[in-house]
Protein backbone atom coordinates (compact mmCIF):
# COMPACT_ATOMS: atom_id res chain seq x y z
CA MET A 1 -0.02 0.00 0.01
CA ASN A 2 2.79 2.44 0.85
CA LEU A 3 4.51 1.70 -2.44
CA LEU A 4 1.25 2.33 -4.37
CA LEU A 5 0.81 5.64 -2.59
CA LEU A 6 4.36 6.61 -3.44
CA LEU A 7 3.87 5.83 -7.10
CA VAL A 8 0.61 7.83 -7.18
CA GLY A 9 2.29 10.72 -5.48
CA LEU A 10 5.18 10.72 -7.99
CA GLY A 11 2.67 10.60 -10.77
CA LEU A 12 0.69 13.56 -9.43
CA ALA A 13 3.98 15.48 -9.04
CA GLY A 14 4.73 15.00 -12.73
CA ALA A 15 7.43 12.32 -12.28
CA SER A 16 7.31 9.06 -14.17
CA PRO A 17 10.15 6.89 -12.85
CA LEU A 18 9.10 3.74 -14.73
CA GLU A 19 9.11 5.54 -18.05
CA ASP A 20 11.91 8.08 -17.79
CA HIS A 21 14.79 6.24 -16.02
CA LYS A 22 16.77 6.16 -19.25
CA VAL A 23 16.45 9.86 -20.06
CA CYS A 24 19.94 11.45 -20.13
CA GLN A 25 20.99 14.10 -17.62
CA PRO A 26 20.10 17.22 -19.64
CA HIS A 27 22.98 18.52 -21.77
CA SER A 28 25.38 15.80 -20.58
CA ARG A 29 26.03 14.79 -24.19
CA PRO A 30 27.04 18.18 -25.72
CA TRP A 31 28.22 16.49 -28.97
CA GLN A 32 24.75 15.03 -29.70
CA VAL A 33 23.08 16.43 -32.82
CA HIS A 34 19.41 16.21 -33.79
CA LEU A 35 18.94 16.09 -37.59
CA LYS A 36 15.42 16.89 -38.80
CA GLY A 37 13.82 17.70 -42.18
CA GLY A 38 14.44 16.46 -45.66
CA GLY A 39 12.97 13.09 -44.77
CA VAL A 40 15.03 12.34 -41.69
CA SER A 41 14.64 12.64 -37.91
CA CYS A 42 17.60 11.07 -36.27
CA SER A 43 20.94 11.59 -34.53
CA GLY A 44 24.58 12.35 -35.20
CA ALA A 45 27.77 13.40 -33.39
CA LEU A 46 29.55 16.69 -33.71
CA ILE A 47 33.31 16.02 -34.25
CA ASN A 48 34.44 19.64 -34.82
CA GLU A 49 32.82 23.04 -35.47
CA TRP A 50 31.94 22.07 -39.09
CA TRP A 51 31.36 18.31 -39.20
CA ILE A 52 28.89 15.71 -37.98
CA VAL A 53 29.19 11.91 -38.17
CA THR A 54 26.03 9.83 -38.65
CA SER A 55 24.88 6.59 -40.28
CA PHE A 56 23.70 5.73 -43.78
CA ASP A 57 20.08 5.55 -42.52
CA CYS A 58 20.33 9.15 -41.19
CA THR A 59 21.61 10.69 -44.43
CA PRO A 60 20.14 14.23 -44.50
CA THR A 61 19.40 16.54 -47.43
CA SER A 62 21.51 19.62 -48.17
CA TYR A 63 19.84 22.93 -47.28
CA THR A 64 16.65 21.10 -46.24
CA THR A 65 17.71 19.25 -43.15
CA ILE A 66 18.47 21.30 -40.04
CA ALA A 67 21.12 20.24 -37.53
CA SER A 68 20.06 21.20 -34.00
CA LEU A 69 22.89 21.45 -31.48
CA GLY A 70 22.54 21.93 -27.68
CA GLU A 71 19.26 20.04 -27.58
CA HIS A 72 17.76 17.86 -24.90
CA ASP A 73 14.02 18.08 -25.26
CA VAL A 74 13.27 18.63 -28.95
CA THR A 75 9.67 19.70 -28.28
CA VAL A 76 10.51 22.75 -26.24
CA TYR A 77 12.71 25.82 -26.46
CA GLU A 78 15.50 25.63 -23.90
CA GLY A 79 17.59 28.58 -24.89
CA THR A 80 20.66 26.38 -25.48
CA GLU A 81 19.97 25.38 -29.07
CA GLN A 82 21.84 26.24 -32.27
CA HIS A 83 19.92 25.46 -35.47
CA ILE A 84 22.14 25.31 -38.57
CA TYR A 85 21.34 24.06 -42.12
CA VAL A 86 23.18 21.02 -43.49
CA ALA A 87 25.44 21.94 -46.41
CA ASP A 88 27.57 19.08 -47.76
CA VAL A 89 26.50 15.42 -47.31
CA ILE A 90 29.04 12.69 -48.11
CA ARG A 91 28.16 9.00 -47.79
CA HIS A 92 30.86 6.33 -47.70
CA SER A 93 30.81 4.34 -50.91
CA PRO A 94 29.71 1.60 -51.67
CA TYR A 95 26.70 2.29 -49.52
CA ARG A 96 25.01 0.16 -46.95
CA SER A 97 25.30 -3.51 -45.97
CA PRO A 98 27.40 -5.55 -46.18
CA LEU A 99 30.18 -2.94 -46.65
CA HIS A 100 29.66 0.48 -45.06
CA SER A 101 27.10 2.61 -43.18
CA LEU A 102 28.60 5.99 -42.64
CA THR A 103 27.73 9.59 -43.62
CA LEU A 104 29.63 12.82 -42.97
CA VAL A 105 27.70 16.03 -42.81
CA ARG A 106 29.11 19.58 -43.10
CA LEU A 107 27.25 22.46 -41.46
CA GLU A 108 26.47 25.62 -43.45
CA THR A 109 28.06 27.76 -40.75
CA PRO A 110 30.30 26.66 -37.91
CA ALA A 111 28.93 25.60 -34.50
CA ARG A 112 29.74 27.93 -31.59
CA PHE A 113 31.28 25.99 -28.79
CA ASN A 114 29.99 26.53 -25.22
CA LYS A 115 28.99 24.34 -22.27
CA TYR A 116 26.01 22.99 -24.29
CA VAL A 117 27.79 22.40 -27.60
CA GLN A 118 31.10 20.54 -27.68
CA PRO A 119 32.73 18.03 -30.09
CA ILE A 120 33.48 14.46 -29.24
CA PRO A 121 36.98 13.15 -30.11
CA LEU A 122 37.35 10.53 -32.87
CA PRO A 123 38.78 7.23 -31.66
CA SER A 124 42.53 6.77 -31.14
CA ARG A 125 42.00 3.00 -30.75
CA CYS A 126 39.37 0.34 -31.43
CA PRO A 127 36.87 -0.81 -28.75
CA GLN A 128 37.50 -4.11 -27.06
CA PRO A 129 35.09 -6.89 -26.01
CA GLY A 130 33.86 -6.34 -22.51
CA GLU A 131 34.42 -2.63 -22.66
CA ILE A 132 31.48 -0.55 -21.30
CA CYS A 133 30.14 2.14 -23.61
CA HIS A 134 27.30 4.63 -23.61
CA VAL A 135 24.75 5.05 -26.37
CA SER A 136 22.47 8.11 -26.72
CA GLY A 137 19.67 9.10 -29.08
CA TRP A 138 16.06 10.36 -29.37
CA GLY A 139 14.61 6.92 -29.93
CA SER A 140 12.63 4.27 -28.09
CA THR A 141 14.57 2.04 -25.66
CA ILE A 142 11.76 -0.52 -25.49
CA PRO A 143 12.13 -3.52 -27.88
CA ASN A 144 9.61 -3.62 -30.72
CA GLN A 145 8.22 -0.14 -29.82
CA TYR A 146 9.33 2.54 -32.20
CA GLU A 147 7.86 5.78 -30.91
CA PRO A 148 10.56 8.49 -30.73
CA SER A 149 11.45 10.13 -27.48
CA PRO A 150 11.18 13.90 -27.18
CA ARG A 151 14.08 13.83 -24.64
CA LEU A 152 17.49 12.48 -25.22
CA ARG A 153 17.89 8.97 -23.87
CA CYS A 154 21.02 7.09 -22.66
CA ILE A 155 21.77 3.42 -22.27
CA THR A 156 24.88 1.58 -21.14
CA VAL A 157 26.13 -1.40 -23.23
CA PRO A 158 29.10 -3.83 -23.20
CA VAL A 159 31.00 -4.38 -26.39
CA VAL A 160 30.76 -8.09 -27.53
CA ASP A 161 33.12 -10.06 -29.66
CA ASP A 162 32.58 -10.33 -33.41
CA GLN A 163 31.66 -14.06 -33.48
CA THR A 164 28.98 -13.67 -30.86
CA CYS A 165 27.54 -10.86 -32.96
CA MET A 166 27.70 -12.79 -36.25
CA ASN A 167 25.85 -15.66 -34.71
CA THR A 168 22.78 -13.42 -34.25
CA PHE A 169 22.66 -12.20 -37.88
CA PRO A 170 19.74 -13.25 -40.03
CA GLU A 171 20.64 -15.05 -43.29
CA PHE A 172 20.23 -11.86 -45.40
CA LEU A 173 22.94 -9.94 -43.51
CA PHE A 174 26.68 -10.33 -43.79
CA TRP A 175 29.45 -9.43 -41.51
CA SER A 176 31.75 -6.46 -42.32
CA PRO A 177 35.06 -5.53 -40.71
CA GLY A 178 33.51 -2.06 -40.38
CA MET A 179 31.07 -3.34 -37.76
CA VAL A 180 31.28 -3.46 -33.95
CA CYS A 181 28.55 -4.83 -31.71
CA ALA A 182 27.42 -3.91 -28.20
CA GLY A 183 24.76 -5.11 -25.83
CA GLN A 184 23.65 -8.58 -24.71
CA ALA A 185 20.90 -10.33 -22.69
CA ASN A 186 20.05 -8.67 -19.37
CA THR A 187 21.52 -5.31 -20.44
CA ASP A 188 20.01 -2.17 -21.91
CA ASN A 189 20.32 -3.02 -25.59
CA CYS A 190 17.78 -1.07 -27.57
CA MET A 191 18.05 2.50 -28.89
CA TYR A 192 15.79 2.85 -31.89
CA ASP A 193 17.30 6.02 -33.34
CA SER A 194 19.14 6.07 -36.72
CA GLY A 195 22.51 7.49 -36.09
CA SER A 196 22.43 6.98 -32.31
CA VAL A 197 25.87 7.62 -30.92
CA MET A 198 28.12 5.16 -29.05
CA VAL A 199 30.88 6.65 -26.88
CA CYS A 200 33.54 4.57 -25.12
CA LYS A 201 35.91 6.16 -22.61
CA GLY A 202 35.28 9.66 -23.98
CA GLN A 203 35.79 8.75 -27.68
CA LEU A 204 33.28 8.38 -30.54
CA GLN A 205 33.41 4.61 -31.37
CA GLY A 206 30.11 4.02 -33.22
CA VAL A 207 26.94 5.13 -34.89
CA ARG A 208 24.01 2.73 -35.15
CA TRP A 209 23.91 0.31 -38.14
CA PHE A 210 21.29 -2.34 -37.25
CA SER A 211 19.08 -2.31 -34.12
CA HIS A 212 19.08 -6.00 -33.48
CA GLY A 213 18.66 -5.37 -29.79
CA CYS A 214 15.30 -3.62 -30.51
CA ARG A 215 14.06 -6.73 -32.18
CA ASN A 216 15.40 -9.21 -29.60
CA PRO A 217 16.88 -7.89 -26.34
CA ALA A 218 19.22 -10.89 -26.21
CA ASP A 219 20.93 -9.82 -29.48
CA PRO A 220 23.70 -7.19 -29.73
CA THR A 221 23.07 -4.02 -31.73
CA VAL A 222 25.45 -3.32 -34.60
CA TYR A 223 27.38 -0.05 -34.91
CA THR A 224 29.73 1.32 -37.50
CA LYS A 225 33.28 0.75 -36.20
CA LEU A 226 34.56 4.25 -36.56
CA CYS A 227 38.19 3.45 -35.66
CA LYS A 228 38.36 1.77 -39.11
CA TYR A 229 37.33 5.05 -40.89
CA ILE A 230 39.63 7.66 -39.45
CA ARG A 231 41.66 8.05 -42.74
CA TRP A 232 38.43 8.36 -44.81
CA ILE A 233 36.92 10.90 -42.39
CA ASN A 234 40.07 13.06 -42.43
CA ASN A 235 40.30 12.87 -46.23
CA VAL A 236 36.72 14.03 -46.64
CA MET A 237 37.20 16.91 -44.30
CA ASP A 238 40.41 17.98 -46.17
CA ARG A 239 38.54 17.89 -49.54
CA TYR A 240 35.48 19.78 -48.42
CA VAL A 241 37.06 22.80 -46.85
CA PRO A 242 34.35 25.31 -46.09
CA THR A 243 34.47 28.97 -47.07
CA LEU A 244 32.77 31.53 -44.87
CA THR A 245 30.63 34.23 -46.53
CA THR A 246 29.25 37.35 -45.02
CA GLU A 247 25.68 36.28 -45.70
CA THR A 248 24.14 33.16 -44.32
CA THR A 249 20.63 31.68 -44.56
CA PRO A 250 18.70 32.23 -41.31
CA VAL A 251 17.04 29.18 -39.82
CA MET A 252 13.51 29.79 -38.71
CA MET A 253 12.16 27.32 -36.14
CA THR A 254 8.49 27.00 -35.40
């Protein structure tokens, strides 16, 4: 009876502990980017003032998609946001499974760094089985439920070895050296947000490829193994050097 009264009291106070326990501490992931418009609504990671890393599934559209930085709750104005149009969009070729799932996105104007907007370092090493990582995105964390979350959510996942991951693949999928898997039975293992970001020990190690853990919580989710793509990322950023102009296109948010 006391427990029931406590739950009712929390509900009346506006708290929902059973629903919101995976919501991130607001603005604890200042590199997280919300991409919306041009047919996408998904996540990416800011790696410097100009560039965002995301997945193939989250490929935005130039000058149609808006990158929102400094976000936590995407349904309210918090005064921390920076809304910038996407300019260049470069997908790794050949696209999609079984080879690559990676997209680089250049902003029209550079991000302004502050306590709410900061880049995440690219990996200096590859993640190891057993390593504990953190995944964030604006997606459902409940298997087989795909309603997006208005507030940024965070889960904690262990990296698993490649063979364990391959054993969970359906017949139509093939393993790629550009994959890394994280999550297993009895762990938080679902983040249904294209481009959700995996960070291990302060480095960007993955963006979501396949949400196997959202289909079956016992299966690991597949991420792009970003440590394998450092040369490609640097080459793209060197080729697409932005040029600042005195006039920029204002972003109007409604």
